[in-house]
Structure formats: C-alpha cells, structure tokens
Amino acid sequence: MSWSLTTLLAAWSSVTSPADAVAMATAVLAALAIVLAARLLTGAPTAAQRAIPVPARARSRRAQPTRAMDPDAAGRPRPRAPGQR
C-alpha cells in the first residue's frame, strides 16, 4: 500500500497543468473502479458478512462488570476541590 501511495505522490508532483490533473484524477478513478469491480466479482466478504452472529443473551453473559477504581489506592493522586490550584 505504501509503494502505491509513494508512486501516486511522485506522479502528483509532476502535474504541471490542469489537463494533467484531470488525467491523473481519471487514472486514479479508473484504478479504483477496477479494484472495486474485482472485489465485487470475486465475492470477497464484507464486514457484515464476516461477523459471527451471537445472540444477545450470550453477549450479556460474556460481559463482565466494570471494576470500581479505588480512589485511595497507592499511587493515585488525591482529587482536588473545584477552583483550587
């Protein structure tokens, strides 16, 4: 991915006229269309298709209660009153 970004930035720096900018934008959009079409045709799963459905009850059983923080624990600064410095 980084090599394509580097190539794109190098090509963009060589743009000297509005016609070059339009040609560059057209090339980028064409490449994007090809990549998206290939992804759709190969049947690559989307994020929603990759997710494993889990019933809400199972999720609630797995959820753990948040631990209460001890404000008087060693190493914790004491809370200051509002307006005090």
PDB file of N, CA and C in Angstrom:
ATOM      1  N   MET A   1       0.829  -1.195   0.000  1.00  0.00           N
ATOM      2  CA  MET A   1       0.000   0.000   0.000  1.00  0.00           C
ATOM      3  C   MET A   1       0.868   1.252   0.000  1.00  0.00           C
ATOM      4  N   SER A   2       1.969   1.220   0.753  1.00  0.00           N
ATOM      5  CA  SER A   2       2.799   2.419   0.839  1.00  0.00           C
ATOM      6  C   SER A   2       3.499   2.713  -0.477  1.00  0.00           C
ATOM      7  N   TRP A   3       3.851   1.669  -1.226  1.00  0.00           N
ATOM      8  CA  TRP A   3       4.512   1.920  -2.511  1.00  0.00           C
ATOM      9  C   TRP A   3       3.564   2.587  -3.487  1.00  0.00           C
ATOM     10  N   SER A   4       2.259   2.218  -3.433  1.00  0.00           N
ATOM     11  CA  SER A   4       1.305   2.845  -4.352  1.00  0.00           C
ATOM     12  C   SER A   4       1.071   4.301  -3.963  1.00  0.00           C
ATOM     13  N   LEU A   5       1.074   4.577  -2.667  1.00  0.00           N
ATOM     14  CA  LEU A   5       0.916   5.956  -2.219  1.00  0.00           C
ATOM     15  C   LEU A   5       2.131   6.783  -2.606  1.00  0.00           C
ATOM     16  N   THR A   6       3.307   6.200  -2.474  1.00  0.00           N
ATOM     17  CA  THR A   6       4.533   6.898  -2.869  1.00  0.00           C
ATOM     18  C   THR A   6       4.535   7.176  -4.365  1.00  0.00           C
ATOM     19  N   THR A   7       4.114   6.193  -5.147  1.00  0.00           N
ATOM     20  CA  THR A   7       4.041   6.366  -6.600  1.00  0.00           C
ATOM     21  C   THR A   7       3.037   7.446  -6.960  1.00  0.00           C
ATOM     22  N   LEU A   8       1.891   7.436  -6.284  1.00  0.00           N
ATOM     23  CA  LEU A   8       0.862   8.434  -6.562  1.00  0.00           C
ATOM     24  C   LEU A   8       1.354   9.833  -6.210  1.00  0.00           C
ATOM     25  N   LEU A   9       2.026   9.972  -5.084  1.00  0.00           N
ATOM     26  CA  LEU A   9       2.541  11.289  -4.697  1.00  0.00           C
ATOM     27  C   LEU A   9       3.629  11.760  -5.650  1.00  0.00           C
ATOM     28  N   ALA A  10       4.471  10.842  -6.112  1.00  0.00           N
ATOM     29  CA  ALA A  10       5.510  11.211  -7.072  1.00  0.00           C
ATOM     30  C   ALA A  10       4.887  11.647  -8.391  1.00  0.00           C
ATOM     31  N   ALA A  11       3.849  10.945  -8.815  1.00  0.00           N
ATOM     32  CA  ALA A  11       3.178  11.319 -10.061  1.00  0.00           C
ATOM     33  C   ALA A  11       2.453  12.649  -9.895  1.00  0.00           C
ATOM     34  N   TRP A  12       1.860  12.871  -8.720  1.00  0.00           N
ATOM     35  CA  TRP A  12       1.124  14.115  -8.495  1.00  0.00           C
ATOM     36  C   TRP A  12       2.064  15.319  -8.512  1.00  0.00           C
ATOM     37  N   SER A  13       3.294  15.129  -8.049  1.00  0.00           N
ATOM     38  CA  SER A  13       4.238  16.247  -8.035  1.00  0.00           C
ATOM     39  C   SER A  13       4.682  16.632  -9.437  1.00  0.00           C
ATOM     40  N   SER A  14       4.484  15.735 -10.412  1.00  0.00           N
ATOM     41  CA  SER A  14       4.865  16.047 -11.789  1.00  0.00           C
ATOM     42  C   SER A  14       3.745  16.732 -12.562  1.00  0.00           C
ATOM     43  N   VAL A  15       2.585  16.932 -11.932  1.00  0.00           N
ATOM     44  CA  VAL A  15       1.456  17.594 -12.600  1.00  0.00           C
ATOM     45  C   VAL A  15       1.785  19.074 -12.753  1.00  0.00           C
ATOM     46  N   THR A  16       1.719  19.550 -14.007  1.00  0.00           N
ATOM     47  CA  THR A  16       2.069  20.952 -14.256  1.00  0.00           C
ATOM     48  C   THR A  16       0.926  21.753 -14.839  1.00  0.00           C
ATOM     49  N   SER A  17      -0.127  21.091 -15.288  1.00  0.00           N
ATOM     50  CA  SER A  17      -1.234  21.830 -15.894  1.00  0.00           C
ATOM     51  C   SER A  17      -2.553  21.220 -15.433  1.00  0.00           C
ATOM     52  N   PRO A  18      -3.644  21.968 -15.604  1.00  0.00           N
ATOM     53  CA  PRO A  18      -4.949  21.415 -15.235  1.00  0.00           C
ATOM     54  C   PRO A  18      -5.299  20.150 -16.022  1.00  0.00           C
ATOM     55  N   ALA A  19      -4.857  20.077 -17.266  1.00  0.00           N
ATOM     56  CA  ALA A  19      -5.135  18.879 -18.061  1.00  0.00           C
ATOM     57  C   ALA A  19      -4.430  17.658 -17.460  1.00  0.00           C
ATOM     58  N   ASP A  20      -3.217  17.866 -16.949  1.00  0.00           N
ATOM     59  CA  ASP A  20      -2.504  16.769 -16.290  1.00  0.00           C
ATOM     60  C   ASP A  20      -3.237  16.329 -15.021  1.00  0.00           C
ATOM     61  N   ALA A  21      -3.785  17.291 -14.288  1.00  0.00           N
ATOM     62  CA  ALA A  21      -4.518  16.970 -13.065  1.00  0.00           C
ATOM     63  C   ALA A  21      -5.771  16.160 -13.384  1.00  0.00           C
ATOM     64  N   VAL A  22      -6.463  16.538 -14.449  1.00  0.00           N
ATOM     65  CA  VAL A  22      -7.667  15.801 -14.849  1.00  0.00           C
ATOM     66  C   VAL A  22      -7.287  14.389 -15.287  1.00  0.00           C
ATOM     67  N   ALA A  23      -6.199  14.266 -16.032  1.00  0.00           N
ATOM     68  CA  ALA A  23      -5.750  12.941 -16.472  1.00  0.00           C
ATOM     69  C   ALA A  23      -5.364  12.076 -15.276  1.00  0.00           C
ATOM     70  N   MET A  24      -4.708  12.666 -14.294  1.00  0.00           N
ATOM     71  CA  MET A  24      -4.312  11.924 -13.095  1.00  0.00           C
ATOM     72  C   MET A  24      -5.551  11.474 -12.314  1.00  0.00           C
ATOM     73  N   ALA A  25      -6.513  12.374 -12.152  1.00  0.00           N
ATOM     74  CA  ALA A  25      -7.737  12.026 -11.429  1.00  0.00           C
ATOM     75  C   ALA A  25      -8.496  10.925 -12.160  1.00  0.00           C
ATOM     76  N   THR A  26      -8.532  10.989 -13.478  1.00  0.00           N
ATOM     77  CA  THR A  26      -9.209   9.962 -14.266  1.00  0.00           C
ATOM     78  C   THR A  26      -8.518   8.610 -14.091  1.00  0.00           C
ATOM     79  N   ALA A  27      -7.201   8.608 -14.097  1.00  0.00           N
ATOM     80  CA  ALA A  27      -6.461   7.359 -13.922  1.00  0.00           C
ATOM     81  C   ALA A  27      -6.701   6.764 -12.538  1.00  0.00           C
ATOM     82  N   VAL A  28      -6.730   7.610 -11.520  1.00  0.00           N
ATOM     83  CA  VAL A  28      -6.966   7.125 -10.158  1.00  0.00           C
ATOM     84  C   VAL A  28      -8.374   6.564 -10.031  1.00  0.00           C
ATOM     85  N   LEU A  29      -9.365   7.255 -10.587  1.00  0.00           N
ATOM     86  CA  LEU A  29     -10.744   6.770 -10.519  1.00  0.00           C
ATOM     87  C   LEU A  29     -10.916   5.472 -11.299  1.00  0.00           C
ATOM     88  N   ALA A  30     -10.246   5.353 -12.438  1.00  0.00           N
ATOM     89  CA  ALA A  30     -10.323   4.115 -13.214  1.00  0.00           C
ATOM     90  C   ALA A  30      -9.710   2.956 -12.429  1.00  0.00           C
ATOM     91  N   ALA A  31      -8.583   3.198 -11.786  1.00  0.00           N
ATOM     92  CA  ALA A  31      -7.954   2.150 -10.981  1.00  0.00           C
ATOM     93  C   ALA A  31      -8.846   1.752  -9.811  1.00  0.00           C
ATOM     94  N   LEU A  32      -9.480   2.725  -9.192  1.00  0.00           N
ATOM     95  CA  LEU A  32     -10.388   2.438  -8.087  1.00  0.00           C
ATOM     96  C   LEU A  32     -11.582   1.618  -8.561  1.00  0.00           C
ATOM     97  N   ALA A  33     -12.126   1.972  -9.726  1.00  0.00           N
ATOM     98  CA  ALA A  33     -13.257   1.224 -10.273  1.00  0.00           C
ATOM     99  C   ALA A  33     -12.865  -0.218 -10.577  1.00  0.00           C
ATOM    100  N   ILE A  34     -11.662  -0.424 -11.093  1.00  0.00           N
ATOM    101  CA  ILE A  34     -11.198  -1.781 -11.397  1.00  0.00           C
ATOM    102  C   ILE A  34     -11.046  -2.596 -10.118  1.00  0.00           C
ATOM    103  N   VAL A  35     -10.476  -1.991  -9.094  1.00  0.00           N
ATOM    104  CA  VAL A  35     -10.287  -2.702  -7.824  1.00  0.00           C
ATOM    105  C   VAL A  35     -11.631  -3.049  -7.198  1.00  0.00           C
ATOM    106  N   LEU A  36     -12.568  -2.110  -7.201  1.00  0.00           N
ATOM    107  CA  LEU A  36     -13.885  -2.378  -6.617  1.00  0.00           C
ATOM    108  C   LEU A  36     -14.642  -3.435  -7.405  1.00  0.00           C
ATOM    109  N   ALA A  37     -14.567  -3.379  -8.729  1.00  0.00           N
ATOM    110  CA  ALA A  37     -15.241  -4.385  -9.553  1.00  0.00           C
ATOM    111  C   ALA A  37     -14.644  -5.766  -9.309  1.00  0.00           C
ATOM    112  N   ALA A  38     -13.332  -5.844  -9.202  1.00  0.00           N
ATOM    113  CA  ALA A  38     -12.690  -7.131  -8.936  1.00  0.00           C
ATOM    114  C   ALA A  38     -13.100  -7.666  -7.573  1.00  0.00           C
ATOM    115  N   ARG A  39     -13.215  -6.789  -6.613  1.00  0.00           N
ATOM    116  CA  ARG A  39     -13.620  -7.221  -5.268  1.00  0.00           C
ATOM    117  C   ARG A  39     -15.054  -7.736  -5.267  1.00  0.00           C
ATOM    118  N   LEU A  40     -15.934  -7.053  -5.998  1.00  0.00           N
ATOM    119  CA  LEU A  40     -17.328  -7.494  -6.058  1.00  0.00           C
ATOM    120  C   LEU A  40     -17.465  -8.805  -6.826  1.00  0.00           C
ATOM    121  N   LEU A  41     -16.702  -8.958  -7.900  1.00  0.00           N
ATOM    122  CA  LEU A  41     -16.816 -10.163  -8.721  1.00  0.00           C
ATOM    123  C   LEU A  41     -16.223 -11.389  -8.040  1.00  0.00           C
ATOM    124  N   THR A  42     -15.228 -11.210  -7.207  1.00  0.00           N
ATOM    125  CA  THR A  42     -14.626 -12.358  -6.535  1.00  0.00           C
ATOM    126  C   THR A  42     -15.442 -12.803  -5.333  1.00  0.00           C
ATOM    127  N   GLY A  43     -16.403 -12.008  -4.929  1.00  0.00           N
ATOM    128  CA  GLY A  43     -17.235 -12.389  -3.795  1.00  0.00           C
ATOM    129  C   GLY A  43     -16.537 -12.219  -2.466  1.00  0.00           C
ATOM    130  N   ALA A  44     -15.651 -11.253  -2.366  1.00  0.00           N
ATOM    131  CA  ALA A  44     -14.966 -11.001  -1.102  1.00  0.00           C
ATOM    132  C   ALA A  44     -15.997 -10.592  -0.054  1.00  0.00           C
ATOM    133  N   PRO A  45     -15.931 -11.189   1.118  1.00  0.00           N
ATOM    134  CA  PRO A  45     -16.932 -10.872   2.139  1.00  0.00           C
ATOM    135  C   PRO A  45     -16.779  -9.455   2.673  1.00  0.00           C
ATOM    136  N   THR A  46     -17.901  -8.840   2.955  1.00  0.00           N
ATOM    137  CA  THR A  46     -17.878  -7.517   3.564  1.00  0.00           C
ATOM    138  C   THR A  46     -17.775  -7.685   5.075  1.00  0.00           C
ATOM    139  N   ALA A  47     -17.650  -6.590   5.778  1.00  0.00           N
ATOM    140  CA  ALA A  47     -17.511  -6.652   7.236  1.00  0.00           C
ATOM    141  C   ALA A  47     -18.746  -7.287   7.873  1.00  0.00           C
ATOM    142  N   ALA A  48     -19.935  -6.989   7.340  1.00  0.00           N
ATOM    143  CA  ALA A  48     -21.161  -7.544   7.907  1.00  0.00           C
ATOM    144  C   ALA A  48     -21.230  -9.054   7.678  1.00  0.00           C
ATOM    145  N   GLN A  49     -20.697  -9.528   6.564  1.00  0.00           N
ATOM    146  CA  GLN A  49     -20.730 -10.959   6.287  1.00  0.00           C
ATOM    147  C   GLN A  49     -19.686 -11.713   7.101  1.00  0.00           C
ATOM    148  N   ARG A  50     -18.590 -11.060   7.468  1.00  0.00           N
ATOM    149  CA  ARG A  50     -17.540 -11.715   8.245  1.00  0.00           C
ATOM    150  C   ARG A  50     -17.917 -11.861   9.705  1.00  0.00           C
ATOM    151  N   ALA A  51     -18.776 -10.987  10.207  1.00  0.00           N
ATOM    152  CA  ALA A  51     -19.118 -11.005  11.630  1.00  0.00           C
ATOM    153  C   ALA A  51     -19.900 -12.274  11.959  1.00  0.00           C
ATOM    154  N   ILE A  52     -19.548 -12.894  13.068  1.00  0.00           N
ATOM    155  CA  ILE A  52     -20.243 -14.099  13.505  1.00  0.00           C
ATOM    156  C   ILE A  52     -21.426 -13.659  14.357  1.00  0.00           C
ATOM    157  N   PRO A  53     -22.638 -14.033  13.950  1.00  0.00           N
ATOM    158  CA  PRO A  53     -23.792 -13.600  14.739  1.00  0.00           C
ATOM    159  C   PRO A  53     -23.812 -14.297  16.100  1.00  0.00           C
ATOM    160  N   VAL A  54     -23.969 -13.518  17.135  1.00  0.00           N
ATOM    161  CA  VAL A  54     -24.020 -14.038  18.501  1.00  0.00           C
ATOM    162  C   VAL A  54     -25.297 -13.507  19.133  1.00  0.00           C
ATOM    163  N   PRO A  55     -26.095 -14.379  19.715  1.00  0.00           N
ATOM    164  CA  PRO A  55     -27.321 -13.901  20.361  1.00  0.00           C
ATOM    165  C   PRO A  55     -27.018 -12.919  21.487  1.00  0.00           C
ATOM    166  N   ALA A  56     -27.969 -12.038  21.734  1.00  0.00           N
ATOM    167  CA  ALA A  56     -27.786 -11.006  22.753  1.00  0.00           C
ATOM    168  C   ALA A  56     -27.574 -11.617  24.133  1.00  0.00           C
ATOM    169  N   ARG A  57     -28.234 -12.723  24.417  1.00  0.00           N
ATOM    170  CA  ARG A  57     -28.099 -13.337  25.736  1.00  0.00           C
ATOM    171  C   ARG A  57     -26.675 -13.851  25.951  1.00  0.00           C
ATOM    172  N   ALA A  58     -26.086 -14.417  24.920  1.00  0.00           N
ATOM    173  CA  ALA A  58     -24.709 -14.898  25.044  1.00  0.00           C
ATOM    174  C   ALA A  58     -23.754 -13.728  25.243  1.00  0.00           C
ATOM    175  N   ARG A  59     -24.015 -12.627  24.560  1.00  0.00           N
ATOM    176  CA  ARG A  59     -23.164 -11.449  24.742  1.00  0.00           C
ATOM    177  C   ARG A  59     -23.277 -10.929  26.161  1.00  0.00           C
ATOM    178  N   SER A  60     -24.497 -10.930  26.712  1.00  0.00           N
ATOM    179  CA  SER A  60     -24.666 -10.389  28.057  1.00  0.00           C
ATOM    180  C   SER A  60     -24.007 -11.295  29.096  1.00  0.00           C
ATOM    181  N   ARG A  61     -23.946 -12.601  28.827  1.00  0.00           N
ATOM    182  CA  ARG A  61     -23.274 -13.492  29.766  1.00  0.00           C
ATOM    183  C   ARG A  61     -21.770 -13.289  29.745  1.00  0.00           C
ATOM    184  N   ARG A  62     -21.255 -12.966  28.572  1.00  0.00           N
ATOM    185  CA  ARG A  62     -19.815 -12.761  28.466  1.00  0.00           C
ATOM    186  C   ARG A  62     -19.383 -11.423  29.040  1.00  0.00           C
ATOM    187  N   ALA A  63     -20.288 -10.467  29.062  1.00  0.00           N
ATOM    188  CA  ALA A  63     -19.925  -9.127  29.533  1.00  0.00           C
ATOM    189  C   ALA A  63     -19.561  -9.194  31.010  1.00  0.00           C
ATOM    190  N   GLN A  64     -18.484  -8.565  31.348  1.00  0.00           N
ATOM    191  CA  GLN A  64     -18.039  -8.563  32.729  1.00  0.00           C
ATOM    192  C   GLN A  64     -18.309  -7.192  33.330  1.00  0.00           C
ATOM    193  N   PRO A  65     -18.672  -7.157  34.588  1.00  0.00           N
ATOM    194  CA  PRO A  65     -18.903  -5.850  35.204  1.00  0.00           C
ATOM    195  C   PRO A  65     -17.599  -5.063  35.277  1.00  0.00           C
ATOM    196  N   THR A  66     -17.720  -3.765  35.140  1.00  0.00           N
ATOM    197  CA  THR A  66     -16.527  -2.926  35.225  1.00  0.00           C
ATOM    198  C   THR A  66     -16.057  -2.872  36.674  1.00  0.00           C
ATOM    199  N   ARG A  67     -14.766  -2.930  36.847  1.00  0.00           N
ATOM    200  CA  ARG A  67     -14.213  -2.895  38.194  1.00  0.00           C
ATOM    201  C   ARG A  67     -14.231  -1.465  38.709  1.00  0.00           C
ATOM    202  N   ALA A  68     -14.656  -1.312  39.949  1.00  0.00           N
ATOM    203  CA  ALA A  68     -14.654   0.009  40.562  1.00  0.00           C
ATOM    204  C   ALA A  68     -13.218   0.378  40.916  1.00  0.00           C
ATOM    205  N   MET A  69     -12.835   1.577  40.554  1.00  0.00           N
ATOM    206  CA  MET A  69     -11.478   2.022  40.866  1.00  0.00           C
ATOM    207  C   MET A  69     -11.444   2.562  42.292  1.00  0.00           C
ATOM    208  N   ASP A  70     -10.393   2.230  42.978  1.00  0.00           N
ATOM    209  CA  ASP A  70     -10.223   2.681  44.352  1.00  0.00           C
ATOM    210  C   ASP A  70      -9.492   4.020  44.329  1.00  0.00           C
ATOM    211  N   PRO A  71     -10.173   5.124  44.653  1.00  0.00           N
ATOM    212  CA  PRO A  71      -9.507   6.418  44.602  1.00  0.00           C
ATOM    213  C   PRO A  71      -8.428   6.576  45.670  1.00  0.00           C
ATOM    214  N   ASP A  72      -8.460   5.741  46.711  1.00  0.00           N
ATOM    215  CA  ASP A  72      -7.463   5.845  47.776  1.00  0.00           C
ATOM    216  C   ASP A  72      -6.316   4.850  47.601  1.00  0.00           C
ATOM    217  N   ALA A  73      -6.247   4.197  46.446  1.00  0.00           N
ATOM    218  CA  ALA A  73      -5.184   3.215  46.221  1.00  0.00           C
ATOM    219  C   ALA A  73      -3.835   3.914  46.163  1.00  0.00           C
ATOM    220  N   ALA A  74      -2.790   3.147  46.463  1.00  0.00           N
ATOM    221  CA  ALA A  74      -1.438   3.703  46.460  1.00  0.00           C
ATOM    222  C   ALA A  74      -1.071   4.177  45.058  1.00  0.00           C
ATOM    223  N   GLY A  75      -0.468   5.355  44.989  1.00  0.00           N
ATOM    224  CA  GLY A  75      -0.022   5.886  43.707  1.00  0.00           C
ATOM    225  C   GLY A  75      -1.034   6.765  43.009  1.00  0.00           C
ATOM    226  N   ARG A  76      -2.237   6.850  43.506  1.00  0.00           N
ATOM    227  CA  ARG A  76      -3.241   7.708  42.872  1.00  0.00           C
ATOM    228  C   ARG A  76      -3.219   9.088  43.524  1.00  0.00           C
ATOM    229  N   PRO A  77      -3.227  10.134  42.709  1.00  0.00           N
ATOM    230  CA  PRO A  77      -3.258  11.474  43.302  1.00  0.00           C
ATOM    231  C   PRO A  77      -4.622  11.739  43.934  1.00  0.00           C
ATOM    232  N   ARG A  78      -4.593  12.523  44.979  1.00  0.00           N
ATOM    233  CA  ARG A  78      -5.856  12.843  45.647  1.00  0.00           C
ATOM    234  C   ARG A  78      -6.651  13.803  44.784  1.00  0.00           C
ATOM    235  N   PRO A  79      -7.958  13.653  44.725  1.00  0.00           N
ATOM    236  CA  PRO A  79      -8.773  14.585  43.944  1.00  0.00           C
ATOM    237  C   PRO A  79      -8.747  15.972  44.573  1.00  0.00           C
ATOM    238  N   ARG A  80      -8.766  16.975  43.747  1.00  0.00           N
ATOM    239  CA  ARG A  80      -8.721  18.353  44.240  1.00  0.00           C
ATOM    240  C   ARG A  80     -10.114  18.961  44.156  1.00  0.00           C
ATOM    241  N   ALA A  81     -10.351  19.897  45.022  1.00  0.00           N
ATOM    242  CA  ALA A  81     -11.636  20.582  45.014  1.00  0.00           C
ATOM    243  C   ALA A  81     -11.709  21.503  43.796  1.00  0.00           C
ATOM    244  N   PRO A  82     -12.890  21.714  43.238  1.00  0.00           N
ATOM    245  CA  PRO A  82     -13.010  22.614  42.089  1.00  0.00           C
ATOM    246  C   PRO A  82     -12.584  24.030  42.460  1.00  0.00           C
ATOM    247  N   GLY A  83     -11.856  24.662  41.593  1.00  0.00           N
ATOM    248  CA  GLY A  83     -11.434  26.038  41.807  1.00  0.00           C
ATOM    249  C   GLY A  83     -10.144  26.169  42.591  1.00  0.00           C
ATOM    250  N   GLN A  84      -9.621  25.095  43.119  1.00  0.00           N
ATOM    251  CA  GLN A  84      -8.376  25.135  43.884  1.00  0.00           C
ATOM    252  C   GLN A  84      -7.205  24.795  42.969  1.00  0.00           C
ATOM    253  N   ARG A  85      -6.059  25.384  43.235  1.00  0.00           N
ATOM    254  CA  ARG A  85      -4.857  25.054  42.451  1.00  0.00           C
ATOM    255  C   ARG A  85      -3.801  24.505  43.325  1.00  0.00           C
TER     256      ARG A  85
END
